Structure formats: structure tokens, C-alpha cells
Amino acid sequence: MLKFTAATLLCAASIPALAQPQPETFVIHAGVGGREPTIVVPVGAVATFSASAAEALVGVSGPRVEAMRLSGDVLINVVGAGQPIRIKADSVVLELTADEGPGARKAGLNPVRADRQLRSTEIIVGDDDSQTFVGHVVFTVPTDVGAMQITAERIERKAAVAAGV
């Protein structure tokens, strides 16, 4: 009886993990020609981030933006509108902006549109649901608190694959 109860509890505990959507992953490759990859994201959309080194950047953008240069094993987890987003890089500038609230447009702020958009010079389709975007790549991805924008010269996007597939 004890073995059956333990097995039942173990199975029940694993169900929420399977039900959670898998993250869409963006791997940002080093810039060419001196252009630094940049991620602009509302601060409330960032679940976690880590890097080997971080440097605060002063006066990079406007007064409503905190910017930092992250380098070495950068991992940023973002709460996306439909599914989680994971960003991996070796070096990137992260700009944290204020969350877009219902009064943002009335206050004269010009928030980034929350529609999913992509601009790229070239798209290379890979195996197992991956694509590499080359050229002046700009991804705009909605989150629950506003839009996130990734700008880089080369981004590999890996679509989330359902658990167990």
C-alpha cells in the first residue's frame, strides 16, 4: 500500500511539470561590425537572469530605462504572453523598461506594439523546429506587461517542442 501511495504521489507531482508550456528559446550570437545585440524588455516580464559578469550602463537610453551589459553564459528567462521565453547569449545589452500599464498611452508614453513581429535579411531553416535569422534582425515578442524587443545580427530561434515528443 505504501509503495502504491508513493508512486501515486510521484506521478501526481509530475503532472504540473508536463502541463507547463516549454519555453521558446532565442540564442543570440555575437554581433558583426561592432553592433552589440540588445534586448529591451519590461522589468516585470523578467522572471530571472544570470551572467558571468554585469556592468551598469549610465545614460544609454532615456530616464525610464536601466541598462546593463551582460557577458559570459547569459541566460534570461522572460514571462511571455503565451509561453515562457528563454534567451541565451555570450554578450548582450539588457535594457529594462517600465511595464506598460493601462495608463501608459494616456500618459503620452509610446510603448512598443505588443504584436509579434520579425524583420530579418535572411532566414535559414534548420532541423527540429529551429531557424537562424541573419542580417539586421529585430524580433518583437509580446509579454503580459508589454512588448520585448531583441535586436542582433544573428539569432537562432528554437520553437518549443511539446514535452515527451
N, C-alpha and C. Protein backbone atom coordinates (compact mmCIF):
# COMPACT_ATOMS: atom_id res chain seq x y z
N MET A 1 0.82 -1.19 0.00
CA MET A 1 0.00 0.00 0.00
C MET A 1 0.87 1.26 0.00
N LEU A 2 1.93 1.23 0.79
CA LEU A 2 2.82 2.38 0.87
C LEU A 2 3.50 2.66 -0.47
N LYS A 3 3.90 1.57 -1.16
CA LYS A 3 4.54 1.73 -2.47
C LYS A 3 3.56 2.35 -3.46
N PHE A 4 2.31 1.89 -3.44
CA PHE A 4 1.29 2.42 -4.34
C PHE A 4 1.04 3.90 -4.08
N THR A 5 0.94 4.29 -2.79
CA THR A 5 0.72 5.69 -2.42
C THR A 5 1.88 6.56 -2.85
N ALA A 6 3.12 6.09 -2.64
CA ALA A 6 4.31 6.86 -3.04
C ALA A 6 4.36 7.03 -4.54
N ALA A 7 4.04 5.96 -5.29
CA ALA A 7 4.05 6.05 -6.74
C ALA A 7 2.97 7.01 -7.24
N THR A 8 1.80 6.98 -6.61
CA THR A 8 0.72 7.88 -6.99
C THR A 8 1.10 9.33 -6.73
N LEU A 9 1.70 9.61 -5.58
CA LEU A 9 2.13 10.98 -5.27
C LEU A 9 3.21 11.45 -6.24
N LEU A 10 4.13 10.57 -6.59
CA LEU A 10 5.19 10.93 -7.53
C LEU A 10 4.61 11.26 -8.89
N CYS A 11 3.67 10.46 -9.36
CA CYS A 11 3.03 10.74 -10.66
C CYS A 11 2.22 12.03 -10.62
N ALA A 12 1.50 12.26 -9.54
CA ALA A 12 0.69 13.48 -9.41
C ALA A 12 1.58 14.71 -9.37
N ALA A 13 2.74 14.61 -8.76
CA ALA A 13 3.65 15.76 -8.68
C ALA A 13 4.25 16.08 -10.04
N SER A 14 4.37 15.10 -10.92
CA SER A 14 4.97 15.35 -12.23
C SER A 14 3.99 15.91 -13.24
N ILE A 15 2.69 15.81 -13.00
CA ILE A 15 1.69 16.29 -13.95
C ILE A 15 1.79 17.80 -14.18
N PRO A 16 1.92 18.66 -13.15
CA PRO A 16 2.04 20.09 -13.42
C PRO A 16 3.27 20.43 -14.26
N ALA A 17 4.37 19.70 -14.07
CA ALA A 17 5.57 19.97 -14.86
C ALA A 17 5.33 19.67 -16.33
N LEU A 18 4.57 18.62 -16.62
CA LEU A 18 4.27 18.29 -18.01
C LEU A 18 3.27 19.26 -18.61
N ALA A 19 2.39 19.82 -17.80
CA ALA A 19 1.36 20.72 -18.29
C ALA A 19 1.91 22.11 -18.61
N GLN A 20 3.04 22.48 -18.03
CA GLN A 20 3.60 23.81 -18.27
C GLN A 20 4.15 23.89 -19.68
N PRO A 21 3.90 25.00 -20.37
CA PRO A 21 4.43 25.12 -21.73
C PRO A 21 5.96 25.22 -21.73
N GLN A 22 6.56 24.63 -22.75
CA GLN A 22 8.01 24.67 -22.89
C GLN A 22 8.41 26.05 -23.44
N PRO A 23 9.59 26.56 -23.04
CA PRO A 23 9.98 27.89 -23.49
C PRO A 23 10.40 27.94 -24.95
N GLU A 24 10.10 29.06 -25.58
CA GLU A 24 10.63 29.38 -26.89
C GLU A 24 12.03 29.94 -26.61
N THR A 25 13.04 29.44 -27.31
CA THR A 25 14.42 29.81 -27.00
C THR A 25 15.04 30.63 -28.13
N PHE A 26 15.69 31.73 -27.75
CA PHE A 26 16.43 32.57 -28.68
C PHE A 26 17.89 32.52 -28.28
N VAL A 27 18.76 32.10 -29.21
CA VAL A 27 20.20 32.08 -28.96
C VAL A 27 20.79 33.23 -29.77
N ILE A 28 21.37 34.20 -29.07
CA ILE A 28 21.89 35.39 -29.73
C ILE A 28 23.39 35.23 -29.91
N HIS A 29 23.82 35.33 -31.16
CA HIS A 29 25.23 35.19 -31.49
C HIS A 29 25.90 36.56 -31.52
N ALA A 30 27.20 36.58 -31.29
CA ALA A 30 27.97 37.82 -31.22
C ALA A 30 27.74 38.67 -32.46
N GLY A 31 27.70 39.98 -32.25
CA GLY A 31 27.47 40.92 -33.34
C GLY A 31 28.66 41.03 -34.27
N VAL A 32 28.38 41.41 -35.51
CA VAL A 32 29.41 41.61 -36.51
C VAL A 32 29.49 43.10 -36.79
N GLY A 33 30.67 43.63 -36.95
CA GLY A 33 30.82 45.03 -37.30
C GLY A 33 30.55 45.97 -36.14
N GLY A 34 30.74 45.52 -34.91
CA GLY A 34 30.62 46.41 -33.76
C GLY A 34 29.22 46.61 -33.21
N ARG A 35 28.22 46.02 -33.84
CA ARG A 35 26.84 46.17 -33.32
C ARG A 35 26.62 45.19 -32.18
N GLU A 36 26.26 45.72 -31.04
CA GLU A 36 26.00 44.87 -29.88
C GLU A 36 24.56 44.39 -29.87
N PRO A 37 24.34 43.10 -29.64
CA PRO A 37 22.96 42.64 -29.51
C PRO A 37 22.29 43.32 -28.32
N THR A 38 21.02 43.68 -28.49
CA THR A 38 20.29 44.40 -27.45
C THR A 38 18.93 43.74 -27.21
N ILE A 39 18.57 43.64 -25.94
CA ILE A 39 17.25 43.15 -25.55
C ILE A 39 16.59 44.26 -24.74
N VAL A 40 15.42 44.69 -25.18
CA VAL A 40 14.63 45.69 -24.45
C VAL A 40 13.40 44.95 -23.93
N VAL A 41 13.23 44.93 -22.61
CA VAL A 41 12.15 44.14 -22.03
C VAL A 41 11.57 44.86 -20.82
N PRO A 42 10.24 44.84 -20.65
CA PRO A 42 9.65 45.42 -19.44
C PRO A 42 10.15 44.65 -18.21
N VAL A 43 10.51 45.37 -17.17
CA VAL A 43 11.11 44.75 -16.00
C VAL A 43 10.22 43.67 -15.38
N GLY A 44 8.91 43.84 -15.43
CA GLY A 44 8.00 42.86 -14.85
C GLY A 44 7.92 41.56 -15.63
N ALA A 45 8.44 41.53 -16.85
CA ALA A 45 8.42 40.31 -17.66
C ALA A 45 9.63 39.43 -17.40
N VAL A 46 10.65 39.96 -16.75
CA VAL A 46 11.86 39.18 -16.49
C VAL A 46 11.64 38.31 -15.27
N ALA A 47 11.65 36.99 -15.49
CA ALA A 47 11.49 36.05 -14.38
C ALA A 47 12.82 35.89 -13.65
N THR A 48 13.89 35.63 -14.40
CA THR A 48 15.25 35.52 -13.84
C THR A 48 16.25 35.88 -14.91
N PHE A 49 17.43 36.28 -14.48
CA PHE A 49 18.53 36.38 -15.43
C PHE A 49 19.84 36.15 -14.70
N SER A 50 20.82 35.65 -15.44
CA SER A 50 22.13 35.40 -14.87
C SER A 50 23.19 35.62 -15.94
N ALA A 51 24.38 35.91 -15.50
CA ALA A 51 25.52 36.11 -16.39
C ALA A 51 26.79 36.00 -15.56
N SER A 52 27.90 35.75 -16.23
CA SER A 52 29.18 35.69 -15.53
C SER A 52 29.61 37.08 -15.07
N ALA A 53 29.26 38.11 -15.85
CA ALA A 53 29.62 39.48 -15.50
C ALA A 53 28.51 40.44 -15.92
N ALA A 54 28.34 41.51 -15.14
CA ALA A 54 27.34 42.53 -15.45
C ALA A 54 27.96 43.90 -15.19
N GLU A 55 27.70 44.82 -16.11
CA GLU A 55 28.21 46.19 -15.99
C GLU A 55 27.05 47.15 -16.21
N ALA A 56 26.80 48.03 -15.24
CA ALA A 56 25.73 49.03 -15.39
C ALA A 56 26.14 50.03 -16.45
N LEU A 57 25.21 50.40 -17.31
CA LEU A 57 25.45 51.40 -18.36
C LEU A 57 24.66 52.65 -18.01
N VAL A 58 25.33 53.75 -17.88
CA VAL A 58 24.69 55.00 -17.50
C VAL A 58 24.48 55.85 -18.75
N GLY A 59 23.28 56.43 -18.87
CA GLY A 59 23.00 57.35 -19.96
C GLY A 59 22.87 56.69 -21.32
N VAL A 60 22.60 55.39 -21.36
CA VAL A 60 22.47 54.70 -22.63
C VAL A 60 21.17 55.07 -23.32
N SER A 61 20.10 55.09 -22.57
CA SER A 61 18.79 55.40 -23.14
C SER A 61 18.14 56.51 -22.34
N GLY A 62 16.83 56.52 -22.34
CA GLY A 62 16.08 57.54 -21.64
C GLY A 62 16.05 57.33 -20.14
N PRO A 63 15.38 58.24 -19.42
CA PRO A 63 15.34 58.16 -17.96
C PRO A 63 14.49 57.00 -17.43
N ARG A 64 13.64 56.42 -18.27
CA ARG A 64 12.79 55.32 -17.82
C ARG A 64 13.41 53.96 -18.16
N VAL A 65 14.72 53.93 -18.41
CA VAL A 65 15.38 52.69 -18.82
C VAL A 65 16.62 52.48 -17.96
N GLU A 66 16.77 51.26 -17.45
CA GLU A 66 18.01 50.85 -16.79
C GLU A 66 18.70 49.89 -17.72
N ALA A 67 19.97 50.15 -18.05
CA ALA A 67 20.68 49.31 -19.00
C ALA A 67 21.91 48.70 -18.35
N MET A 68 22.24 47.49 -18.81
CA MET A 68 23.44 46.81 -18.33
C MET A 68 23.98 45.93 -19.44
N ARG A 69 25.28 45.75 -19.43
CA ARG A 69 25.94 44.85 -20.37
C ARG A 69 26.18 43.54 -19.62
N LEU A 70 25.63 42.45 -20.15
CA LEU A 70 25.79 41.14 -19.55
C LEU A 70 26.73 40.33 -20.44
N SER A 71 27.64 39.57 -19.83
CA SER A 71 28.55 38.77 -20.63
C SER A 71 28.85 37.44 -19.95
N GLY A 72 29.21 36.46 -20.75
CA GLY A 72 29.58 35.14 -20.28
C GLY A 72 28.40 34.32 -19.79
N ASP A 73 27.98 33.34 -20.53
CA ASP A 73 26.86 32.46 -20.15
C ASP A 73 25.62 33.24 -19.71
N VAL A 74 25.17 34.13 -20.54
CA VAL A 74 23.97 34.92 -20.25
C VAL A 74 22.73 34.05 -20.45
N LEU A 75 21.85 34.05 -19.46
CA LEU A 75 20.58 33.34 -19.55
C LEU A 75 19.51 34.26 -18.98
N ILE A 76 18.50 34.58 -19.80
CA ILE A 76 17.40 35.45 -19.39
C ILE A 76 16.11 34.68 -19.60
N ASN A 77 15.32 34.55 -18.55
CA ASN A 77 14.01 33.90 -18.63
C ASN A 77 12.94 34.98 -18.55
N VAL A 78 12.07 34.99 -19.55
CA VAL A 78 11.04 36.02 -19.68
C VAL A 78 9.67 35.35 -19.64
N VAL A 79 8.73 36.00 -18.96
CA VAL A 79 7.35 35.52 -18.94
C VAL A 79 6.68 36.05 -20.20
N GLY A 80 6.52 35.20 -21.19
CA GLY A 80 5.90 35.60 -22.44
C GLY A 80 4.39 35.63 -22.32
N ALA A 81 3.71 36.17 -23.32
CA ALA A 81 2.25 36.26 -23.28
C ALA A 81 1.61 34.89 -23.40
N GLY A 82 2.13 34.01 -24.25
CA GLY A 82 1.53 32.69 -24.41
C GLY A 82 2.37 31.57 -23.86
N GLN A 83 3.68 31.76 -23.82
CA GLN A 83 4.59 30.73 -23.34
C GLN A 83 5.86 31.40 -22.82
N PRO A 84 6.61 30.72 -21.98
CA PRO A 84 7.85 31.32 -21.48
C PRO A 84 8.86 31.51 -22.61
N ILE A 85 9.78 32.44 -22.42
CA ILE A 85 10.82 32.74 -23.39
C ILE A 85 12.16 32.61 -22.68
N ARG A 86 13.11 31.95 -23.34
CA ARG A 86 14.46 31.82 -22.79
C ARG A 86 15.42 32.44 -23.80
N ILE A 87 16.33 33.27 -23.30
CA ILE A 87 17.32 33.92 -24.16
C ILE A 87 18.70 33.52 -23.68
N LYS A 88 19.53 33.04 -24.62
CA LYS A 88 20.90 32.65 -24.30
C LYS A 88 21.84 33.49 -25.15
N ALA A 89 22.96 33.92 -24.55
CA ALA A 89 23.94 34.72 -25.28
C ALA A 89 25.27 34.68 -24.54
N ASP A 90 26.31 35.17 -25.19
CA ASP A 90 27.60 35.34 -24.53
C ASP A 90 27.81 36.79 -24.12
N SER A 91 27.22 37.70 -24.89
CA SER A 91 27.34 39.13 -24.59
C SER A 91 26.12 39.84 -25.16
N VAL A 92 25.47 40.65 -24.32
CA VAL A 92 24.26 41.34 -24.76
C VAL A 92 24.05 42.57 -23.88
N VAL A 93 23.40 43.59 -24.42
CA VAL A 93 22.98 44.73 -23.63
C VAL A 93 21.51 44.50 -23.27
N LEU A 94 21.22 44.54 -21.98
CA LEU A 94 19.86 44.36 -21.49
C LEU A 94 19.33 45.70 -21.04
N GLU A 95 18.23 46.14 -21.63
CA GLU A 95 17.59 47.40 -21.23
C GLU A 95 16.25 47.05 -20.59
N LEU A 96 16.11 47.38 -19.31
CA LEU A 96 14.88 47.13 -18.58
C LEU A 96 14.04 48.40 -18.61
N THR A 97 12.81 48.29 -19.10
CA THR A 97 11.91 49.44 -19.20
C THR A 97 10.76 49.25 -18.22
N ALA A 98 10.02 50.31 -18.02
CA ALA A 98 8.84 50.24 -17.15
C ALA A 98 7.78 49.37 -17.81
N ASP A 99 7.02 48.66 -17.00
CA ASP A 99 5.91 47.87 -17.51
C ASP A 99 4.88 48.78 -18.13
N GLU A 100 4.24 48.29 -19.19
CA GLU A 100 3.17 49.06 -19.82
C GLU A 100 1.91 48.80 -19.03
N GLY A 101 1.35 49.84 -18.49
CA GLY A 101 0.09 49.71 -17.76
C GLY A 101 -1.04 50.26 -18.58
N PRO A 102 -2.25 50.18 -18.07
CA PRO A 102 -3.39 50.70 -18.82
C PRO A 102 -3.28 52.20 -19.08
N GLY A 103 -2.56 52.92 -18.24
CA GLY A 103 -2.45 54.37 -18.43
C GLY A 103 -1.24 54.81 -19.22
N ALA A 104 -0.45 53.87 -19.76
CA ALA A 104 0.79 54.24 -20.45
C ALA A 104 0.52 55.10 -21.68
N ARG A 105 -0.47 54.76 -22.46
CA ARG A 105 -0.75 55.55 -23.67
C ARG A 105 -1.35 56.90 -23.34
N LYS A 106 -2.18 56.94 -22.29
CA LYS A 106 -2.77 58.21 -21.89
C LYS A 106 -1.71 59.17 -21.38
N ALA A 107 -0.65 58.64 -20.77
CA ALA A 107 0.41 59.48 -20.21
C ALA A 107 1.38 59.97 -21.28
N GLY A 108 1.13 59.60 -22.54
CA GLY A 108 1.99 60.07 -23.62
C GLY A 108 3.21 59.20 -23.85
N LEU A 109 3.30 58.07 -23.17
CA LEU A 109 4.40 57.15 -23.39
C LEU A 109 4.11 56.40 -24.67
N ASN A 110 5.14 56.06 -25.40
CA ASN A 110 4.95 55.36 -26.67
C ASN A 110 5.44 53.94 -26.54
N PRO A 111 4.65 53.05 -25.91
CA PRO A 111 5.11 51.68 -25.73
C PRO A 111 5.24 50.95 -27.05
N VAL A 112 6.17 49.98 -27.10
CA VAL A 112 6.35 49.17 -28.30
C VAL A 112 5.08 48.35 -28.51
N ARG A 113 4.66 48.23 -29.76
CA ARG A 113 3.45 47.45 -30.06
C ARG A 113 3.60 46.03 -29.54
N ALA A 114 2.52 45.45 -29.08
CA ALA A 114 2.55 44.13 -28.48
C ALA A 114 2.30 43.01 -29.49
N ASP A 115 2.31 43.30 -30.78
CA ASP A 115 2.15 42.26 -31.79
C ASP A 115 3.49 41.57 -32.02
N ARG A 116 3.46 40.28 -32.33
CA ARG A 116 4.69 39.55 -32.67
C ARG A 116 5.11 39.99 -34.07
N GLN A 117 6.34 40.46 -34.17
CA GLN A 117 6.86 40.94 -35.45
C GLN A 117 8.29 40.45 -35.64
N LEU A 118 8.71 40.34 -36.90
CA LEU A 118 10.07 39.91 -37.23
C LEU A 118 10.55 40.66 -38.45
N ARG A 119 11.79 41.15 -38.36
CA ARG A 119 12.49 41.70 -39.52
C ARG A 119 13.84 40.99 -39.59
N SER A 120 14.21 40.53 -40.79
CA SER A 120 15.48 39.84 -40.98
C SER A 120 15.86 39.88 -42.44
N THR A 121 17.15 39.93 -42.73
CA THR A 121 17.61 39.92 -44.11
C THR A 121 17.50 38.53 -44.71
N GLU A 122 17.84 37.51 -43.92
CA GLU A 122 17.84 36.13 -44.41
C GLU A 122 17.36 35.18 -43.31
N ILE A 123 16.63 34.14 -43.71
CA ILE A 123 16.16 33.13 -42.77
C ILE A 123 16.68 31.77 -43.24
N ILE A 124 17.36 31.06 -42.34
CA ILE A 124 17.87 29.73 -42.64
C ILE A 124 17.07 28.75 -41.78
N VAL A 125 16.33 27.84 -42.42
CA VAL A 125 15.52 26.88 -41.69
C VAL A 125 16.39 25.67 -41.38
N GLY A 126 16.40 25.27 -40.11
CA GLY A 126 17.20 24.13 -39.68
C GLY A 126 16.32 22.94 -39.33
N ASP A 127 16.97 21.94 -38.77
CA ASP A 127 16.25 20.75 -38.33
C ASP A 127 15.52 21.02 -37.03
N ASP A 128 14.67 20.12 -36.66
CA ASP A 128 13.93 20.10 -35.40
C ASP A 128 13.44 21.47 -34.92
N ASP A 129 12.65 22.12 -35.75
CA ASP A 129 11.97 23.37 -35.39
C ASP A 129 12.91 24.51 -35.02
N SER A 130 14.05 24.63 -35.69
CA SER A 130 14.93 25.77 -35.42
C SER A 130 15.10 26.58 -36.70
N GLN A 131 15.30 27.88 -36.50
CA GLN A 131 15.54 28.80 -37.60
C GLN A 131 16.66 29.74 -37.18
N THR A 132 17.49 30.14 -38.14
CA THR A 132 18.53 31.12 -37.87
C THR A 132 18.22 32.35 -38.72
N PHE A 133 18.21 33.51 -38.08
CA PHE A 133 17.92 34.77 -38.75
C PHE A 133 19.21 35.56 -38.83
N VAL A 134 19.52 36.06 -40.02
CA VAL A 134 20.79 36.74 -40.26
C VAL A 134 20.50 38.11 -40.87
N GLY A 135 21.34 39.07 -40.58
CA GLY A 135 21.16 40.43 -41.07
C GLY A 135 20.73 41.30 -39.91
N HIS A 136 20.14 42.41 -40.17
CA HIS A 136 19.64 43.26 -39.09
C HIS A 136 18.33 42.66 -38.58
N VAL A 137 18.45 41.77 -37.58
CA VAL A 137 17.31 41.01 -37.08
C VAL A 137 16.65 41.78 -35.94
N VAL A 138 15.34 41.93 -36.02
CA VAL A 138 14.57 42.56 -34.95
C VAL A 138 13.35 41.68 -34.68
N PHE A 139 13.28 41.12 -33.47
CA PHE A 139 12.12 40.35 -33.02
C PHE A 139 11.36 41.22 -32.03
N THR A 140 10.06 41.34 -32.20
CA THR A 140 9.20 41.96 -31.19
C THR A 140 8.26 40.86 -30.72
N VAL A 141 8.30 40.58 -29.41
CA VAL A 141 7.56 39.47 -28.84
C VAL A 141 6.71 39.99 -27.69
N PRO A 142 5.41 39.69 -27.66
CA PRO A 142 4.57 40.18 -26.57
C PRO A 142 4.84 39.45 -25.26
N THR A 143 4.71 40.19 -24.17
CA THR A 143 4.71 39.62 -22.83
C THR A 143 3.43 40.12 -22.15
N ASP A 144 3.19 39.65 -20.96
CA ASP A 144 1.98 40.07 -20.25
C ASP A 144 2.02 41.53 -19.82
N VAL A 145 3.20 42.14 -19.75
CA VAL A 145 3.31 43.52 -19.25
C VAL A 145 3.86 44.48 -20.30
N GLY A 146 3.88 44.07 -21.55
CA GLY A 146 4.38 44.92 -22.62
C GLY A 146 5.20 44.09 -23.59
N ALA A 147 5.71 44.74 -24.60
CA ALA A 147 6.46 44.03 -25.64
C ALA A 147 7.95 43.98 -25.31
N MET A 148 8.57 42.88 -25.70
CA MET A 148 10.01 42.72 -25.60
C MET A 148 10.57 42.81 -27.02
N GLN A 149 11.74 43.40 -27.16
CA GLN A 149 12.34 43.50 -28.48
C GLN A 149 13.79 43.02 -28.41
N ILE A 150 14.16 42.14 -29.34
CA ILE A 150 15.53 41.63 -29.45
C ILE A 150 16.09 42.14 -30.77
N THR A 151 17.26 42.79 -30.73
CA THR A 151 17.92 43.29 -31.92
C THR A 151 19.33 42.71 -31.97
N ALA A 152 19.68 42.06 -33.08
CA ALA A 152 21.00 41.45 -33.22
C ALA A 152 21.29 41.22 -34.70
N GLU A 153 22.52 40.81 -34.99
CA GLU A 153 22.89 40.49 -36.36
C GLU A 153 22.61 39.03 -36.70
N ARG A 154 22.54 38.18 -35.67
CA ARG A 154 22.28 36.75 -35.90
C ARG A 154 21.58 36.17 -34.68
N ILE A 155 20.40 35.59 -34.89
CA ILE A 155 19.63 34.98 -33.82
C ILE A 155 19.16 33.60 -34.28
N GLU A 156 19.36 32.61 -33.43
CA GLU A 156 18.81 31.29 -33.68
C GLU A 156 17.58 31.14 -32.80
N ARG A 157 16.47 30.77 -33.40
CA ARG A 157 15.22 30.60 -32.67
C ARG A 157 14.84 29.14 -32.68
N LYS A 158 14.61 28.61 -31.48
CA LYS A 158 14.20 27.21 -31.35
C LYS A 158 12.78 27.21 -30.82
N ALA A 159 11.86 26.70 -31.62
CA ALA A 159 10.46 26.64 -31.20
C ALA A 159 10.32 25.62 -30.08
N ALA A 160 9.40 25.88 -29.19
CA ALA A 160 9.14 24.96 -28.09
C ALA A 160 8.58 23.66 -28.65
N VAL A 161 9.10 22.56 -28.13
CA VAL A 161 8.63 21.25 -28.54
C VAL A 161 7.83 20.69 -27.37
N ALA A 162 6.69 20.11 -27.66
CA ALA A 162 5.83 19.56 -26.61
C ALA A 162 6.60 18.51 -25.82
N ALA A 163 6.34 18.45 -24.53
CA ALA A 163 7.02 17.50 -23.66
C ALA A 163 6.74 16.07 -24.11
N GLY A 164 7.78 15.28 -24.10
CA GLY A 164 7.63 13.87 -24.46
C GLY A 164 7.65 13.61 -25.95
N VAL A 165 7.87 14.64 -26.78
CA VAL A 165 7.90 14.44 -28.23
C VAL A 165 9.32 14.37 -28.70
